[in-house]
Amino acid sequence: MRAKQKVKKALETWYGRLLLAALLTLAAALLILAFYQLFTPSEKIVSLITPSLLVTIYFETMKQIREEKRRPRGRDRTLAKKITSQIEEIKNLNDLVARLSSSIKTAGITTYEIVRNYDKPVKAILLMKFRETIGGKRQVVLKDRLKKLGFKFIWGGVRILPPVKTPQYLDSQKDLDRWIRDNIIDGLDPEFKYVFPFATLLDMSVVFSERKGAPEVGPSGRVRTLFEELGADDFDPGVVYSCIKKRHVSIEDLIRQGDIVFLASKSLDSSTRERLEHSKEEITNELKKATGVERLDLSYFSSMDKKGERKLSAALKKGHVSDEKAVAKGIIHEAKFWDRFLREH
């Protein structure tokens, strides 16, 4: 009885019915073959339908059944389209979270808090590079390679490759050794001299880092902690987004802050963006002083006129941002886009 129910249920599906049709076709072919063998002496006609031909027909039919079964149908097609759309939305969200790094910091979400939200080791590469030379002349080959890979300068030759750019499969000294040789050292001139005092695989979840008082200025610039040097865009966007949600802060709230680094980020290269990030406070204070406006949010930047644009450009110049006029135009253009987008949605 149970076997009959299973057969009945199978026949209710489209591929069950197709399989039944294939079997009936095979049975009919066998009957035709038997008919010709009994009533038709012509070997020519009989030879047209051979056992090998029937086997070929059977397997070709089964192949078509398997292909049809894999192809999205009806509701499945709609679901597949939705999944594709969601993947694209997630990608766009990740890009947006990365661009909102400065706004996230302004909202009080620290990199230390982001690290605590990981449920696995937060791997990063920490290394120190000493002088590089050929024939006694200083070189910048390794320095350029480290920058291209995404290493961030901390202080005194020490650099860190953020977790978002560190291959998370690295798990041992042997893995790290191979990765450094393949990506940093490989292909150097035989006469090239350099020193890496150390390079280590770091789990940032077990790092202590603290500063009391304002960052001091050393020979290489401001001395900042490891967590201060890294931003939200240096970590897994999914983890960052979970931090935002836990704080009950929406993406819209972050955009409405009108953070100048976010508004300018689309048209800036990484080095100019870092410079803008470091001088953001100086620039906003200068703009507040020049305009008399205390709240510099998205609404303010989106309604800026030519006079306001000139003041923004002057403030950017004082913050040592190159091509300040183009950056000012970019900030206002982006502010207008997001202001319109948020009103329409």
Protein backbone atom coordinates (compact mmCIF):
# COMPACT_ATOMS: atom_id res chain seq x y z
CA MET A 1 0.00 0.00 0.00
CA ARG A 2 2.82 2.37 0.93
CA ALA A 3 4.65 1.56 -2.31
CA LYS A 4 1.52 2.44 -4.33
CA GLN A 5 1.24 5.81 -2.53
CA LYS A 6 4.89 6.57 -3.32
CA VAL A 7 4.34 5.73 -6.99
CA LYS A 8 1.18 7.87 -7.08
CA LYS A 9 3.00 10.80 -5.42
CA ALA A 10 5.91 10.50 -7.86
CA LEU A 11 3.53 10.55 -10.83
CA GLU A 12 1.99 13.81 -9.53
CA THR A 13 5.30 15.60 -10.17
CA TRP A 14 6.20 16.80 -13.66
CA TYR A 15 9.46 14.83 -13.80
CA GLY A 16 7.66 11.66 -12.59
CA ARG A 17 5.26 11.97 -15.49
CA LEU A 18 8.15 12.58 -17.90
CA LEU A 19 9.92 9.46 -16.63
CA LEU A 20 6.71 7.42 -17.15
CA ALA A 21 6.48 8.74 -20.71
CA ALA A 22 10.08 7.67 -21.34
CA LEU A 23 9.38 4.15 -20.07
CA LEU A 24 6.22 3.89 -22.19
CA THR A 25 8.20 5.03 -25.24
CA LEU A 26 10.79 2.33 -24.56
CA ALA A 27 8.04 -0.33 -24.17
CA ALA A 28 6.41 0.76 -27.43
CA ALA A 29 9.72 0.55 -29.25
CA LEU A 30 10.29 -2.98 -27.96
CA LEU A 31 6.81 -4.01 -29.16
CA ILE A 32 7.54 -2.56 -32.61
CA LEU A 33 10.81 -4.49 -32.71
CA ALA A 34 8.97 -7.74 -31.79
CA PHE A 35 6.30 -7.02 -34.45
CA TYR A 36 8.86 -6.60 -37.23
CA GLN A 37 10.76 -9.69 -36.16
CA LEU A 38 7.56 -11.79 -36.30
CA PHE A 39 5.81 -10.42 -39.40
CA THR A 40 8.47 -8.68 -41.50
CA PRO A 41 11.17 -10.83 -43.12
CA SER A 42 13.02 -7.76 -44.36
CA GLU A 43 16.34 -7.56 -42.47
CA LYS A 44 16.73 -3.96 -43.67
CA ILE A 45 13.63 -2.78 -41.73
CA VAL A 46 14.48 -4.80 -38.62
CA SER A 47 18.03 -3.42 -38.60
CA LEU A 48 16.64 0.12 -38.28
CA ILE A 49 15.50 -0.56 -34.69
CA THR A 50 18.31 -2.25 -32.80
CA PRO A 51 18.78 -2.82 -29.03
CA SER A 52 21.71 -0.30 -29.06
CA LEU A 53 19.41 2.34 -30.60
CA LEU A 54 16.79 1.71 -27.91
CA VAL A 55 19.41 2.00 -25.16
CA THR A 56 20.63 5.28 -26.71
CA ILE A 57 17.05 6.63 -26.80
CA TYR A 58 16.55 5.65 -23.15
CA PHE A 59 19.73 7.31 -21.85
CA GLU A 60 19.17 10.46 -23.92
CA THR A 61 15.65 10.73 -22.46
CA MET A 62 17.02 10.29 -18.92
CA LYS A 63 19.63 13.00 -19.61
CA GLN A 64 16.88 15.42 -20.68
CA ILE A 65 14.92 14.58 -17.51
CA ARG A 66 17.95 15.42 -15.32
CA GLU A 67 18.56 18.70 -17.19
CA GLU A 68 14.91 19.71 -16.91
CA LYS A 69 14.92 18.87 -13.20
CA ARG A 70 17.88 21.22 -12.62
CA ARG A 71 16.33 24.10 -14.59
CA PRO A 72 14.37 26.66 -12.47
CA ARG A 73 10.65 26.48 -13.22
CA GLY A 74 7.73 28.75 -12.28
CA ARG A 75 8.13 29.73 -8.62
CA ASP A 76 11.72 28.40 -8.68
CA ARG A 77 12.64 30.94 -11.38
CA THR A 78 11.17 33.74 -9.27
CA LEU A 79 13.08 32.50 -6.22
CA ALA A 80 16.34 32.31 -8.19
CA LYS A 81 15.80 35.91 -9.35
CA LYS A 82 15.16 37.01 -5.75
CA ILE A 83 18.32 35.27 -4.51
CA THR A 84 20.39 36.97 -7.25
CA SER A 85 18.86 40.32 -6.29
CA GLN A 86 19.61 39.73 -2.59
CA ILE A 87 23.24 38.85 -3.37
CA GLU A 88 23.56 42.12 -5.31
CA GLU A 89 21.93 44.02 -2.44
CA ILE A 90 24.35 42.44 0.06
CA LYS A 91 27.29 43.42 -2.17
CA ASN A 92 26.00 47.00 -2.39
CA LEU A 93 25.40 47.07 1.38
CA ASN A 94 28.97 45.90 2.02
CA ASP A 95 30.33 48.66 -0.23
CA LEU A 96 28.14 51.24 1.54
CA VAL A 97 29.22 50.06 5.03
CA ALA A 98 32.87 50.36 3.95
CA ARG A 99 32.30 53.92 2.69
CA LEU A 100 30.50 54.82 5.92
CA SER A 101 33.59 53.99 8.01
CA SER A 102 34.09 57.60 9.16
CA SER A 103 30.36 58.03 9.94
CA ILE A 104 30.42 54.82 11.99
CA LYS A 105 33.32 56.19 14.04
CA THR A 106 31.45 59.49 14.53
CA ALA A 107 28.44 57.48 15.78
CA GLY A 108 30.70 56.14 18.54
CA ILE A 109 31.14 52.60 17.19
CA THR A 110 34.82 51.83 17.77
CA THR A 111 37.04 49.29 16.02
CA TYR A 112 37.57 47.66 19.43
CA GLU A 113 33.80 47.08 19.61
CA ILE A 114 33.79 45.66 16.08
CA VAL A 115 36.59 43.21 16.96
CA ARG A 116 34.61 41.98 19.99
CA ASN A 117 31.71 41.08 17.68
CA TYR A 118 33.73 38.45 15.79
CA ASP A 119 33.05 34.83 16.71
CA LYS A 120 36.43 33.67 15.38
CA PRO A 121 40.07 34.91 15.39
CA VAL A 122 40.47 38.35 13.79
CA LYS A 123 43.62 37.74 11.76
CA ALA A 124 45.92 40.55 10.63
CA ILE A 125 49.59 40.69 9.58
CA LEU A 126 51.87 42.95 11.61
CA LEU A 127 55.38 43.56 10.32
CA MET A 128 58.30 45.94 10.50
CA LYS A 129 60.36 46.88 7.46
CA PHE A 130 63.78 48.44 7.80
CA ARG A 131 65.86 50.24 5.18
CA GLU A 132 65.90 48.81 1.61
CA THR A 133 68.87 49.50 -0.68
CA ILE A 134 70.72 48.50 -3.86
CA GLY A 135 74.43 49.34 -3.94
CA GLY A 136 74.01 51.62 -0.95
CA LYS A 137 71.20 53.65 -2.57
CA ARG A 138 67.82 53.77 -0.84
CA GLN A 139 64.87 52.13 -2.61
CA VAL A 140 61.09 52.14 -2.21
CA VAL A 141 60.19 48.89 -3.97
CA LEU A 142 59.09 47.09 -0.81
CA LYS A 143 57.39 50.20 0.52
CA ASP A 144 55.32 50.45 -2.67
CA ARG A 145 54.49 46.74 -2.61
CA LEU A 146 53.27 46.95 0.99
CA LYS A 147 51.12 49.97 0.16
CA LYS A 148 49.60 48.24 -2.88
CA LEU A 149 48.72 45.19 -0.77
CA GLY A 150 46.88 47.46 1.66
CA PHE A 151 49.32 47.65 4.59
CA LYS A 152 48.72 50.64 6.85
CA PHE A 153 51.60 52.55 8.41
CA ILE A 154 51.50 52.62 12.22
CA TRP A 155 54.79 54.18 13.36
CA GLY A 156 58.55 53.71 13.03
CA GLY A 157 58.48 51.22 10.15
CA VAL A 158 55.70 49.09 11.69
CA ARG A 159 52.77 48.31 9.39
CA ILE A 160 49.58 46.29 9.61
CA LEU A 161 47.55 44.52 6.95
CA PRO A 162 43.92 44.93 8.09
CA PRO A 163 41.75 41.84 8.74
CA VAL A 164 39.58 42.53 5.67
CA LYS A 165 42.70 42.21 3.45
CA THR A 166 44.54 39.49 5.38
CA PRO A 167 43.93 36.00 3.92
CA GLN A 168 42.02 34.29 6.71
CA TYR A 169 43.34 30.85 5.70
CA LEU A 170 46.79 31.76 7.08
CA ASP A 171 47.18 29.60 10.15
CA SER A 172 50.87 28.99 10.84
CA GLN A 173 54.38 30.41 10.56
CA LYS A 174 54.84 28.29 7.43
CA ASP A 175 51.71 29.81 5.81
CA LEU A 176 52.87 33.33 6.68
CA ASP A 177 56.41 32.67 5.40
CA ARG A 178 55.09 31.44 2.05
CA TRP A 179 52.61 34.33 1.71
CA ILE A 180 55.27 37.01 2.44
CA ARG A 181 57.74 35.47 -0.01
CA ASP A 182 55.11 35.12 -2.78
CA ASN A 183 53.57 38.58 -2.35
CA ILE A 184 56.31 40.85 -1.00
CA ILE A 185 59.83 39.48 -1.53
CA ASP A 186 59.53 37.47 -4.74
CA GLY A 187 61.22 38.89 -7.86
CA LEU A 188 63.61 41.31 -6.13
CA ASP A 189 66.98 42.14 -7.68
CA PRO A 190 69.70 39.75 -6.38
CA GLU A 191 71.64 42.83 -5.15
CA PHE A 192 68.62 44.12 -3.19
CA LYS A 193 69.29 44.51 0.56
CA TYR A 194 66.52 44.74 3.15
CA VAL A 195 65.61 43.85 6.73
CA PHE A 196 62.31 42.68 8.14
CA PRO A 197 62.98 42.72 11.92
CA PHE A 198 59.73 40.79 12.36
CA ALA A 199 56.49 39.76 10.70
CA THR A 200 53.77 38.01 12.63
CA LEU A 201 50.23 36.75 12.24
CA LEU A 202 48.15 38.65 14.77
CA ASP A 203 44.79 37.85 16.34
CA MET A 204 43.37 41.28 17.09
CA SER A 205 40.86 39.86 19.58
CA VAL A 206 43.76 39.33 22.04
CA VAL A 207 45.53 42.68 21.50
CA PHE A 208 45.80 45.32 24.22
CA SER A 209 45.86 48.92 22.95
CA GLU A 210 45.25 52.12 24.89
CA ARG A 211 46.00 55.82 24.86
CA LYS A 212 45.46 58.51 27.50
CA GLY A 213 45.48 62.09 26.25
CA ALA A 214 45.72 63.51 22.74
CA PRO A 215 47.85 61.68 20.13
CA GLU A 216 51.44 62.91 20.29
CA VAL A 217 53.23 64.01 17.14
CA GLY A 218 56.43 62.08 16.43
CA PRO A 219 58.93 62.13 13.53
CA SER A 220 56.52 60.05 11.42
CA GLY A 221 53.37 61.94 12.32
CA ARG A 222 50.76 61.37 15.02
CA VAL A 223 51.36 58.34 17.22
CA ARG A 224 48.06 56.47 17.33
CA THR A 225 47.02 53.10 18.74
CA LEU A 226 46.44 50.08 16.53
CA PHE A 227 42.67 50.35 16.95
CA GLU A 228 42.70 54.09 16.20
CA GLU A 229 44.66 53.52 12.99
CA LEU A 230 42.09 51.03 11.67
CA GLY A 231 38.57 51.97 10.59
CA ALA A 232 35.30 50.10 10.09
CA ASP A 233 36.25 49.52 6.43
CA ASP A 234 39.22 47.42 7.61
CA PHE A 235 36.92 44.70 8.94
CA ASP A 236 34.33 42.26 7.60
CA PRO A 237 31.34 44.42 6.51
CA GLY A 238 28.91 41.80 7.84
CA VAL A 239 30.39 42.07 11.35
CA VAL A 240 30.38 45.88 11.14
CA TYR A 241 26.73 45.86 10.09
CA SER A 242 25.82 43.61 13.05
CA CYS A 243 27.48 46.20 15.36
CA ILE A 244 25.41 48.96 13.78
CA LYS A 245 22.19 47.00 14.30
CA LYS A 246 23.05 46.18 17.92
CA ARG A 247 23.42 49.90 18.57
CA HIS A 248 19.98 50.44 16.98
CA VAL A 249 21.57 52.77 14.46
CA SER A 250 20.29 52.60 10.88
CA ILE A 251 22.24 53.11 7.67
CA GLU A 252 19.95 56.09 7.02
CA ASP A 253 20.98 57.66 10.36
CA LEU A 254 24.65 57.35 9.38
CA ILE A 255 24.07 58.88 5.93
CA ARG A 256 22.05 61.78 7.37
CA GLN A 257 25.05 62.75 9.53
CA GLY A 258 26.53 64.24 6.36
CA ASP A 259 30.05 63.06 7.18
CA ILE A 260 32.41 64.73 4.68
CA VAL A 261 34.63 61.64 4.37
CA PHE A 262 31.62 59.53 3.35
CA LEU A 263 30.32 62.18 0.92
CA ALA A 264 33.76 62.57 -0.67
CA SER A 265 34.82 58.90 -0.61
CA LYS A 266 33.31 57.95 -3.97
CA SER A 267 35.63 60.30 -5.86
CA LEU A 268 38.82 59.96 -3.77
CA ASP A 269 41.75 57.57 -3.92
CA SER A 270 42.73 55.80 -0.69
CA SER A 271 45.63 58.12 0.26
CA THR A 272 43.55 61.33 -0.20
CA ARG A 273 40.72 59.72 1.73
CA GLU A 274 43.07 58.90 4.63
CA ARG A 275 44.35 62.48 4.63
CA LEU A 276 40.76 63.76 4.72
CA GLU A 277 39.93 61.34 7.55
CA HIS A 278 42.86 62.57 9.65
CA SER A 279 42.03 66.26 9.10
CA LYS A 280 38.22 65.93 9.21
CA GLU A 281 37.85 67.61 12.59
CA GLU A 282 40.07 70.53 11.54
CA ILE A 283 38.10 70.96 8.28
CA THR A 284 34.65 70.86 9.92
CA ASN A 285 35.72 73.32 12.64
CA GLU A 286 37.05 75.68 9.97
CA LEU A 287 33.80 75.39 7.98
CA LYS A 288 31.67 76.03 11.09
CA LYS A 289 33.72 79.15 11.82
CA ALA A 290 33.43 80.41 8.21
CA THR A 291 29.68 79.77 7.87
CA GLY A 292 28.42 80.22 11.42
CA VAL A 293 26.54 76.91 11.00
CA GLU A 294 26.93 74.47 13.89
CA ARG A 295 25.12 71.45 12.43
CA LEU A 296 26.87 70.31 9.24
CA ASP A 297 24.58 67.45 8.24
CA LEU A 298 23.41 65.96 4.93
CA SER A 299 20.64 68.55 4.56
CA TYR A 300 23.13 71.42 4.92
CA PHE A 301 25.57 70.08 2.29
CA SER A 302 22.78 69.20 -0.17
CA SER A 303 21.45 72.79 -0.09
CA MET A 304 24.86 74.47 -0.43
CA ASP A 305 25.07 77.32 -2.94
CA LYS A 306 28.15 78.59 -4.80
CA LYS A 307 29.19 80.76 -1.86
CA GLY A 308 29.00 77.76 0.48
CA GLU A 309 30.95 75.67 -2.01
CA ARG A 310 33.79 78.23 -1.99
CA LYS A 311 33.89 78.17 1.82
CA LEU A 312 33.95 74.35 1.82
CA SER A 313 36.77 74.41 -0.74
CA ALA A 314 38.77 76.85 1.44
CA ALA A 315 38.27 74.65 4.52
CA LEU A 316 39.45 71.58 2.60
CA LYS A 317 42.55 73.47 1.47
CA LYS A 318 43.38 74.35 5.08
CA GLY A 319 43.03 70.65 5.87
CA HIS A 320 45.75 69.91 3.27
CA VAL A 321 43.37 68.18 0.85
CA SER A 322 44.67 68.41 -2.72
CA ASP A 323 42.33 69.39 -5.62
CA GLU A 324 40.03 70.93 -3.01
CA LYS A 325 37.63 72.49 -5.56
CA ALA A 326 36.86 69.13 -7.20
CA VAL A 327 36.47 67.46 -3.78
CA ALA A 328 34.05 70.22 -2.65
CA LYS A 329 31.93 69.73 -5.81
CA GLY A 330 31.98 65.94 -5.21
CA ILE A 331 30.78 66.34 -1.59
CA ILE A 332 27.87 68.58 -2.61
CA HIS A 333 26.90 66.34 -5.56
CA GLU A 334 26.88 63.23 -3.35
CA ALA A 335 24.90 65.04 -0.64
CA LYS A 336 22.22 66.05 -3.19
CA PHE A 337 22.01 62.45 -4.44
CA TRP A 338 21.53 60.93 -0.95
CA ASP A 339 19.14 63.66 0.18
CA ARG A 340 16.92 63.00 -2.86
CA PHE A 341 17.27 59.22 -2.49
CA LEU A 342 16.21 59.22 1.18
CA ARG A 343 13.24 61.51 0.47
CA GLU A 344 12.01 59.30 -2.38
CA HIS A 345 12.45 56.04 -0.49
